[in-house]
Protein backbone atom coordinates (compact mmCIF):
# COMPACT_ATOMS: atom_id res chain seq x y z
CA MET A 1 -15.56 -11.21 2.59
CA LEU A 2 -15.18 -12.76 5.80
CA ALA A 3 -18.78 -12.05 6.66
CA GLY A 4 -19.91 -13.13 3.28
CA GLY A 5 -18.40 -16.71 3.80
CA VAL A 6 -15.91 -16.09 1.14
CA GLN A 7 -12.85 -18.66 1.51
CA VAL A 8 -10.01 -16.30 2.95
CA ASP A 9 -6.85 -18.07 4.28
CA ALA A 10 -5.23 -15.01 5.71
CA PHE A 11 -5.37 -11.25 5.75
CA TRP A 12 -3.67 -8.31 7.30
CA GLY A 13 -5.57 -6.71 10.15
CA ASN A 14 -5.50 -5.93 13.85
CA TRP A 15 -6.06 -9.15 15.75
CA ASP A 16 -7.74 -7.47 18.71
CA LYS A 17 -10.48 -6.38 16.48
CA TYR A 18 -11.21 -9.95 15.43
CA TYR A 19 -10.29 -12.60 18.02
CA ALA A 20 -13.44 -12.06 20.09
CA LYS A 21 -15.55 -12.55 17.15
CA HIS A 22 -14.10 -15.96 16.59
CA VAL A 23 -13.13 -15.07 12.96
CA ILE A 24 -9.48 -15.88 13.44
CA ILE A 25 -7.34 -18.45 14.99
CA PRO A 26 -4.52 -18.47 17.32
CA ILE A 27 -1.26 -19.63 15.82
CA ASN A 28 1.23 -20.79 18.73
CA ASP A 29 1.44 -24.42 17.65
CA LEU A 30 1.64 -23.60 13.96
CA MET A 31 4.42 -21.10 14.56
CA ALA A 32 6.20 -23.66 16.77
CA GLU A 33 5.99 -26.44 13.84
CA TYR A 34 6.18 -24.27 10.77
CA GLY A 35 7.48 -20.96 11.59
CA ALA A 36 11.02 -21.05 12.97
CA ALA A 37 12.37 -18.53 10.63
CA ILE A 38 9.57 -15.93 11.29
CA LEU A 39 10.10 -16.09 14.92
CA ALA A 40 13.87 -15.71 14.60
CA LYS A 41 13.51 -12.35 12.78
CA TRP A 42 11.09 -10.55 14.81
CA PRO A 43 12.02 -8.61 17.91
CA LYS A 44 9.99 -9.84 21.17
CA GLU A 45 8.28 -6.41 21.29
CA SER A 46 6.35 -7.13 18.03
CA ILE A 47 5.51 -10.84 19.12
CA GLN A 48 4.34 -9.65 22.40
CA ALA A 49 2.25 -7.06 20.71
CA MET A 50 0.66 -9.95 18.85
CA THR A 51 -0.15 -11.78 21.87
CA ASP A 52 -3.16 -11.68 24.28
CA LYS A 53 -2.94 -11.68 28.12
CA GLU A 54 -3.50 -15.52 28.10
CA GLY A 55 -0.52 -16.18 25.86
CA LYS A 56 -2.31 -16.81 22.59
CA LEU A 57 -0.48 -15.68 19.50
CA TRP A 58 -3.02 -14.21 17.15
CA GLY A 59 -0.87 -13.59 13.91
CA ILE A 60 2.45 -12.88 12.43
CA PRO A 61 3.60 -9.38 13.29
CA ARG A 62 3.79 -6.64 10.51
CA VAL A 63 5.37 -3.76 12.35
CA THR A 64 8.38 -3.23 14.45
CA PRO A 65 8.95 -0.08 16.82
CA THR A 66 9.69 2.69 14.08
CA ILE A 67 9.94 6.36 13.88
CA ALA A 68 8.45 6.77 10.60
CA ALA A 69 5.70 9.64 10.78
CA ASN A 70 8.35 12.22 9.95
CA PRO A 71 8.37 15.66 8.56
CA TRP A 72 9.73 15.76 5.09
CA VAL A 73 11.01 18.93 3.54
CA ARG A 74 11.87 19.98 -0.12
CA SER A 75 15.61 20.94 0.35
CA ASP A 76 15.88 22.08 -3.45
CA TRP A 77 12.90 24.76 -2.41
CA ALA A 78 14.78 25.76 0.87
CA GLU A 79 17.68 26.48 -1.04
CA LYS A 80 15.94 28.28 -3.90
CA LEU A 81 14.06 30.60 -1.27
CA GLY A 82 17.32 31.13 0.71
CA VAL A 83 15.93 29.67 3.87
CA LYS A 84 17.71 27.58 6.34
CA PHE A 85 16.76 23.74 6.17
CA PRO A 86 14.80 23.53 9.19
CA GLU A 87 15.91 21.55 12.32
CA THR A 88 13.21 22.83 14.64
CA ILE A 89 9.42 23.38 14.59
CA GLU A 90 10.04 27.20 14.53
CA GLU A 91 12.47 27.02 11.78
CA LEU A 92 9.80 24.80 9.91
CA GLU A 93 7.48 27.63 10.43
CA THR A 94 9.92 30.18 8.82
CA TYR A 95 10.25 27.79 5.75
CA LEU A 96 6.47 27.17 5.40
CA GLU A 97 5.94 31.17 5.50
CA ALA A 98 8.75 31.55 2.79
CA CYS A 99 6.96 29.09 0.70
CA SER A 100 3.56 30.65 1.28
CA GLN A 101 4.93 34.15 0.34
CA ASN A 102 6.76 32.88 -2.75
CA LYS A 103 4.52 30.44 -4.59
CA ASP A 104 5.29 32.17 -7.88
CA LYS A 105 8.90 30.64 -7.36
CA LEU A 106 7.57 27.32 -6.70
CA ALA A 107 4.53 25.66 -8.24
CA GLY A 108 2.34 28.68 -8.35
CA ASP A 109 -1.13 28.36 -7.09
CA ASP A 110 -0.59 24.73 -7.12
CA THR A 111 1.82 24.89 -4.37
CA ILE A 112 0.87 22.77 -1.25
CA ILE A 113 2.63 24.24 1.82
CA LEU A 114 2.19 21.24 4.28
CA LEU A 115 0.66 18.10 3.18
CA ALA A 116 -0.33 16.58 6.57
CA GLU A 117 -2.74 13.89 7.59
CA ILE A 118 -4.11 12.60 11.06
CA GLN A 119 -4.85 8.93 9.91
CA GLY A 120 -2.19 7.04 8.07
CA LYS A 121 -0.80 3.85 7.17
CA HIS A 122 -0.12 1.14 9.97
CA ASN A 123 -2.55 3.21 12.20
CA SER A 124 0.05 6.06 12.19
CA GLN A 125 -1.50 9.44 13.06
CA GLY A 126 0.37 12.16 11.07
CA ILE A 127 0.57 15.43 12.71
CA PHE A 128 0.18 14.05 16.23
CA GLN A 129 3.05 11.61 15.84
CA THR A 130 5.01 14.13 14.10
CA PHE A 131 4.87 17.23 16.32
CA VAL A 132 3.25 16.64 19.68
CA GLY A 133 6.51 15.72 21.32
CA GLY A 134 7.97 19.23 20.62
CA PHE A 135 5.30 20.72 22.92
CA THR A 136 4.88 18.11 25.68
CA GLU A 137 7.15 16.01 27.85
CA TYR A 138 6.00 12.31 26.62
CA GLY A 139 4.83 13.19 23.27
CA PHE A 140 1.99 11.40 21.56
CA SER A 141 1.61 8.80 24.33
CA ASN A 142 -0.15 8.12 27.51
CA TRP A 143 1.65 9.35 30.34
CA PRO A 144 1.97 8.81 34.26
CA ASP A 145 0.31 11.61 36.57
CA GLU A 146 -0.85 11.17 40.22
CA GLY A 147 -0.24 7.58 40.00
CA LYS A 148 -2.45 6.97 36.95
CA ILE A 149 -2.06 6.65 33.23
CA LYS A 150 -3.62 9.66 31.38
CA PRO A 151 -4.25 10.23 27.60
CA TYR A 152 -1.74 12.45 25.75
CA PHE A 153 -3.94 15.38 25.41
CA LEU A 154 -3.97 16.33 29.22
CA GLN A 155 -0.23 16.91 29.37
CA ASP A 156 1.13 20.54 29.85
CA GLY A 157 1.88 22.13 26.61
CA TYR A 158 -0.60 20.25 24.53
CA ILE A 159 -2.69 23.42 23.98
CA ASP A 160 0.52 25.02 22.46
CA PHE A 161 0.70 22.21 19.94
CA LEU A 162 -3.09 22.87 18.97
CA THR A 163 -2.40 26.58 18.70
CA THR A 164 0.45 25.97 16.35
CA MET A 165 -1.63 23.58 14.18
CA HIS A 166 -4.38 26.21 14.25
CA ARG A 167 -2.17 28.96 13.16
CA TRP A 168 -0.74 27.07 10.25
CA TYR A 169 -4.10 25.87 9.05
CA SER A 170 -5.66 29.40 9.43
CA LYS A 171 -2.67 30.91 7.38
CA GLY A 172 -3.23 28.44 4.56
CA TYR A 173 -0.19 26.45 5.25
CA MET A 174 -1.81 23.01 5.91
CA TYR A 175 -3.71 21.17 2.98
CA PRO A 176 -7.38 22.06 3.70
CA GLU A 177 -8.65 18.20 3.39
CA PHE A 178 -5.93 17.03 5.96
CA ALA A 179 -8.52 15.34 8.28
CA SER A 180 -9.92 13.04 5.43
CA LEU A 181 -6.85 12.35 3.40
CA ASN A 182 -5.87 8.63 2.58
CA ARG A 183 -2.81 7.23 1.44
CA GLU A 184 -3.67 7.10 -2.29
CA LYS A 185 -4.47 10.87 -2.26
CA VAL A 186 -1.48 11.69 -0.24
CA ARG A 187 0.60 9.78 -2.69
CA GLU A 188 -1.04 11.44 -5.64
CA LEU A 189 -0.24 14.73 -4.50
CA VAL A 190 3.31 14.13 -3.73
CA LYS A 191 3.80 12.84 -7.42
CA THR A 192 2.98 16.18 -8.55
CA GLY A 193 6.25 17.84 -7.26
CA HIS A 194 3.96 20.67 -5.82
CA VAL A 195 4.49 19.87 -2.15
CA ALA A 196 6.61 21.85 0.03
CA ALA A 197 6.66 19.80 3.24
CA THR A 198 4.89 16.66 4.76
CA ALA A 199 3.71 15.23 8.02
CA THR A 200 2.68 11.96 7.04
CA TRP A 201 3.86 8.11 7.05
CA TYR A 202 7.24 7.90 5.65
CA SER A 203 6.51 5.86 2.72
CA ASN A 204 3.87 8.21 1.13
CA VAL A 205 6.91 10.37 0.20
CA ALA A 206 9.91 7.58 -0.05
CA ASN A 207 7.82 5.23 -1.98
CA VAL A 208 6.86 7.79 -4.86
CA HIS A 209 10.02 9.99 -4.84
CA TRP A 210 11.06 8.38 -7.88
CA ASP A 211 7.65 9.05 -9.61
CA MET A 212 7.76 12.52 -8.51
CA ASN A 213 11.25 12.87 -10.04
CA GLN A 214 9.71 11.96 -13.48
CA VAL A 215 7.80 15.10 -13.36
CA ALA A 216 10.06 17.24 -11.39
CA PRO A 217 13.53 16.00 -11.78
CA GLU A 218 15.07 18.57 -9.41
CA ALA A 219 12.71 18.03 -6.59
CA ASN A 220 14.24 16.49 -3.39
CA PHE A 221 12.65 15.67 -0.20
CA GLU A 222 14.82 15.10 2.82
CA MET A 223 13.88 13.78 6.11
CA ILE A 224 15.43 16.14 9.21
CA PRO A 225 18.48 13.86 10.03
CA LEU A 226 18.47 14.25 13.94
CA GLY A 227 14.69 14.80 14.12
CA ILE A 228 12.84 18.14 14.45
CA ASP A 229 12.96 19.72 17.83
CA GLY A 230 10.41 21.89 19.51
CA PRO A 231 10.14 23.79 22.96
CA LYS A 232 9.81 20.55 24.84
CA GLY A 233 12.54 18.53 22.93
CA LYS A 234 12.27 16.00 20.16
CA ALA A 235 8.91 16.43 18.28
CA GLU A 236 8.54 13.03 16.75
CA THR A 237 7.08 10.20 18.61
CA VAL A 238 8.20 6.54 18.03
CA ARG A 239 5.31 4.10 16.87
CA PRO A 240 5.62 1.10 19.10
CA ALA A 241 4.88 -2.64 17.71
CA SER A 242 1.16 -3.00 17.40
CA THR A 243 -1.62 -5.54 17.00
CA GLN A 244 -1.24 -5.36 13.35
CA GLY A 245 -0.29 -8.38 11.37
CA MET A 246 -1.26 -11.40 9.24
CA LEU A 247 -4.07 -13.24 10.69
CA ILE A 248 -5.50 -16.60 9.61
CA SER A 249 -9.09 -16.90 9.06
CA ALA A 250 -10.89 -19.59 11.15
CA GLN A 251 -12.31 -20.64 7.64
CA SER A 252 -9.07 -21.63 6.56
CA LYS A 253 -8.82 -25.17 5.62
CA HIS A 254 -4.94 -25.25 5.51
CA PRO A 255 -3.65 -22.82 8.14
CA GLU A 256 -0.28 -24.53 7.95
CA ALA A 257 0.18 -23.52 4.38
CA VAL A 258 -0.08 -19.84 5.37
CA ILE A 259 2.91 -20.16 8.01
CA LYS A 260 4.86 -22.41 5.53
CA VAL A 261 4.77 -19.68 2.76
CA MET A 262 5.40 -16.77 5.11
CA ASN A 263 8.08 -18.86 6.88
CA LEU A 264 9.77 -19.27 3.23
CA PHE A 265 9.67 -15.51 2.69
CA TYR A 266 11.87 -15.09 6.10
CA SER A 267 14.04 -18.09 5.39
CA SER A 268 16.67 -16.48 3.26
CA PRO A 269 17.53 -13.31 1.40
CA THR A 270 17.12 -15.00 -1.92
CA ALA A 271 13.62 -16.18 -1.12
CA PHE A 272 12.61 -12.79 0.17
CA ALA A 273 13.97 -10.95 -2.91
CA ILE A 274 12.02 -13.58 -5.21
CA SER A 275 8.78 -12.54 -3.20
CA GLN A 276 9.47 -9.04 -3.96
CA LYS A 277 10.50 -8.97 -7.39
CA GLY A 278 9.88 -12.17 -9.00
CA PRO A 279 12.11 -14.69 -10.72
CA GLN A 280 15.83 -14.70 -10.01
CA GLY A 281 17.99 -14.23 -13.02
CA THR A 282 15.06 -12.77 -15.13
CA ASN A 283 13.83 -9.94 -13.04
CA TRP A 284 16.77 -9.55 -10.75
CA LYS A 285 20.35 -10.85 -9.87
CA TRP A 286 22.68 -10.51 -6.89
CA ALA A 287 24.80 -7.54 -7.01
CA ASP A 288 26.32 -8.22 -3.49
CA GLU A 289 24.71 -11.36 -2.09
CA GLU A 290 27.04 -11.14 1.10
CA ASN A 291 25.36 -7.60 1.94
CA GLY A 292 22.09 -8.45 0.60
CA ILE A 293 22.12 -5.96 -2.34
CA TYR A 294 20.61 -7.01 -5.66
CA GLU A 295 19.76 -5.12 -8.99
CA LEU A 296 16.95 -5.24 -11.37
CA LEU A 297 17.28 -6.90 -14.97
CA THR A 298 14.36 -5.39 -16.45
CA ASP A 299 13.27 -1.96 -17.55
CA GLN A 300 9.67 -2.83 -16.77
CA LEU A 301 9.86 -1.06 -13.35
CA ASP A 302 6.06 -0.63 -12.96
CA TYR A 303 5.51 -4.29 -13.74
CA VAL A 304 8.16 -5.40 -11.20
CA ARG A 305 6.71 -3.11 -8.30
CA ASP A 306 3.54 -5.35 -8.80
CA PHE A 307 5.59 -8.31 -7.26
CA ASP A 308 6.19 -6.40 -4.06
CA PHE A 309 4.55 -8.17 -1.04
CA ALA A 310 5.45 -6.18 2.23
CA VAL A 311 5.94 -8.85 4.86
CA GLY A 312 7.79 -6.68 7.27
CA LEU A 313 10.84 -4.85 8.03
CA PRO A 314 12.82 -8.01 9.66
CA ALA A 315 12.68 -9.63 6.20
CA ALA A 316 13.05 -6.54 4.06
CA ALA A 317 16.36 -5.77 5.97
CA THR A 318 17.87 -9.07 4.56
CA ALA A 319 17.78 -7.84 0.94
CA GLY A 320 17.47 -4.52 -0.78
CA VAL A 321 17.38 -3.29 -4.44
CA ASP A 322 20.24 -0.84 -5.51
CA ASN A 323 17.87 1.14 -7.80
CA PRO A 324 16.93 5.05 -7.85
CA MET A 325 13.52 4.02 -7.60
CA PHE A 326 14.05 2.64 -4.22
CA LEU A 327 16.57 4.96 -3.06
CA LYS A 328 14.65 7.11 -0.54
CA GLU A 329 13.22 3.90 1.14
CA ASN A 330 16.56 2.27 1.34
CA GLU A 331 17.90 5.44 3.06
CA VAL A 332 15.18 5.26 5.56
CA TRP A 333 15.79 1.74 6.59
CA GLY A 334 19.34 1.21 5.63
CA LEU A 335 18.87 -1.09 2.85
CA ALA A 336 21.09 -1.94 0.06
CA GLY A 337 23.81 -0.08 1.60
CA LYS A 338 22.23 3.25 1.88
CA GLY A 339 21.47 5.43 4.79
CA ASN A 340 22.77 5.98 8.13
CA THR A 341 23.67 3.58 10.90
CA PRO A 342 21.28 3.20 12.67
CA PRO A 343 18.89 3.93 9.85
CA LEU A 344 16.70 7.01 10.26
CA GLY A 345 13.49 4.98 10.58
CA LEU A 346 14.90 3.01 13.46
CA ASP A 347 17.08 5.96 15.09
CA PHE A 348 14.82 6.37 18.37
CA SER A 349 17.04 9.22 19.53
CA ARG A 350 15.42 11.24 16.66
CA GLY A 351 12.15 11.28 18.88
CA LYS A 352 10.26 10.20 22.01
CA MET A 353 9.40 6.59 22.96
CA PRO A 354 5.89 6.37 24.34
CA TYR A 355 5.71 5.94 28.16
CA ASP A 356 3.61 2.78 27.90
CA ALA A 357 5.21 1.36 24.67
CA ASN A 358 5.49 -2.12 25.97
CA VAL A 359 1.71 -2.25 26.84
CA ILE A 360 -1.09 -3.53 24.41
CA TYR A 361 -4.52 -2.09 25.51
CA ASP A 362 -6.93 -4.81 23.95
CA VAL A 363 -9.73 -2.73 22.45
CA ASN A 364 -12.38 -5.49 23.51
CA GLU A 365 -11.48 -5.00 27.04
CA LEU A 366 -11.39 -1.20 26.66
CA ALA A 367 -14.92 -1.31 25.27
CA GLU A 368 -16.31 -3.85 27.89
CA ASN A 369 -15.09 -1.82 30.90
CA ILE A 370 -15.45 1.87 29.51
CA PRO A 371 -19.00 2.00 28.50
CA THR A 372 -18.43 5.48 26.69
CA TYR A 373 -15.13 4.07 25.13
CA ASN A 374 -16.31 4.54 21.50
CA ASP A 375 -18.02 7.85 22.24
CA LEU A 376 -14.89 9.18 23.77
CA ALA A 377 -12.66 8.22 20.78
CA ARG A 378 -15.23 9.91 18.31
CA VAL A 379 -15.56 12.99 20.23
CA ILE A 380 -11.83 13.43 20.82
CA GLU A 381 -10.91 13.10 17.13
CA GLU A 382 -13.82 15.25 15.92
CA GLU A 383 -13.42 18.22 18.45
CA GLN A 384 -9.64 18.40 17.86
CA ILE A 385 -10.07 18.85 14.23
CA LYS A 386 -12.45 21.66 15.17
CA PHE A 387 -9.97 23.41 17.22
CA ILE A 388 -7.36 23.13 14.52
CA ILE A 389 -9.42 24.38 11.65
CA GLY A 390 -10.98 27.14 13.91
CA ASP A 391 -14.55 25.87 14.01
CA ARG A 392 -14.12 25.74 17.98
CA PRO A 393 -12.06 28.48 19.69
CA LEU A 394 -9.12 27.25 21.53
CA SER A 395 -10.39 29.27 24.57
CA GLU A 396 -12.93 26.50 24.97
CA TRP A 397 -10.20 23.78 25.55
CA ASP A 398 -10.89 23.66 29.27
CA GLN A 399 -14.51 23.35 28.56
CA PHE A 400 -13.78 20.57 26.24
CA ILE A 401 -11.85 18.57 28.70
CA GLN A 402 -14.64 18.88 31.25
CA GLU A 403 -17.23 17.58 28.41
CA LEU A 404 -14.61 14.50 28.19
CA TYR A 405 -14.96 13.90 32.06
CA ASP A 406 -18.62 14.32 31.66
CA LEU A 407 -18.47 11.40 29.20
CA ASP A 408 -16.70 9.34 31.87
CA LEU A 409 -13.10 10.00 30.84
CA ALA A 410 -12.12 9.12 34.61
CA THR A 411 -13.22 5.44 33.88
CA TRP A 412 -10.96 5.74 30.87
CA ILE A 413 -8.01 6.66 32.92
CA ASP A 414 -8.62 3.96 35.61
CA VAL A 415 -8.95 1.19 33.24
CA HIS A 416 -5.93 2.27 31.24
CA THR A 417 -4.19 2.56 34.67
CA GLU A 418 -5.21 -1.03 35.69
CA ILE A 419 -4.08 -2.57 32.45
CA TYR A 420 -0.67 -0.61 32.54
CA ASN A 421 0.02 -1.87 35.95
CA ARG A 422 -0.91 -5.54 35.24
CA ASN A 423 1.78 -5.47 32.31
CA GLN A 424 4.59 -4.16 34.59
């Protein structure tokens, strides 16, 4: 749409993919004049992630640091099979094996043992953010070694992660098309009630759990409360704040209007609830305004959901709806009086914080200074999939690493190290 000259005022995207093309504008002055409520809600990490090295703010943040690429497990199926609800990767494998051996007690041949992905919502990366920390010291993160910043897959123990994923795939636990799944397909499969466990972005389970229960009323997915453990500790990796946000098009004739509208959503719990569920008194009313809990006044739940406009957790935390449709999401984020304190999605003790969580690596700077940057990214993704599905033997892992160095991985390391040091 942008390339076609269509009038677009604002859109969701990653600012570092657009600013160098001059299709978006910095919003420092606009935010200072019209965005006080927005700035007051977002943590500094999120604001910093939307800001370039010259101090230009390129958009309104979309994400906070979260731990939300979680393994979810069917507690009702674990109980049915007489298997302990897993707390470790080893126990999860026991559960997966039990499901594999007893499909006739579950969903028959339609049973999906582990629904996993590698590319998810908000640039999450499924099995990597879910499990790598259980096999490595730093998790799914760049890490320090010999005074340099190196990529996650060079850590000791990473081959053990790949070995485990390959074993699960070869035994038929992992959904065969895990590498090409999109959000719509993942949610469609969860809704069937045929899935035993997941390694995906939380909302692919939480946001359709109610829909699943319309088909399978007894089905119950649970997150592992304390986070799943592996041989090297907590397996999940926190997803830090990122460059994703609401960006204002350079074609916008009234960029201030975008900030004014968004600022309204952040200005009060009532304003946010209206943005989510429509007219107050018609679609919803306050049940406990002091604690930000409201209830729906209509049975047209699918219609009400069409109003939802996800602007970010800092706004969402101000008002939550107490309704079974939203129960699982409320539990993840501590909304509407549900869940733990801190909420599971913000309890970073459940996983590992990336070593360089406070550093934004501008993809334009990376591509400019690493001639093989795009080739490296492509090869790393493609070849790891081959190792997992068995198209390439794990005995060739060291050979693969040498191939990456032949593609100038050393420059990748040097450039990331320079950017990291500059941000300390």
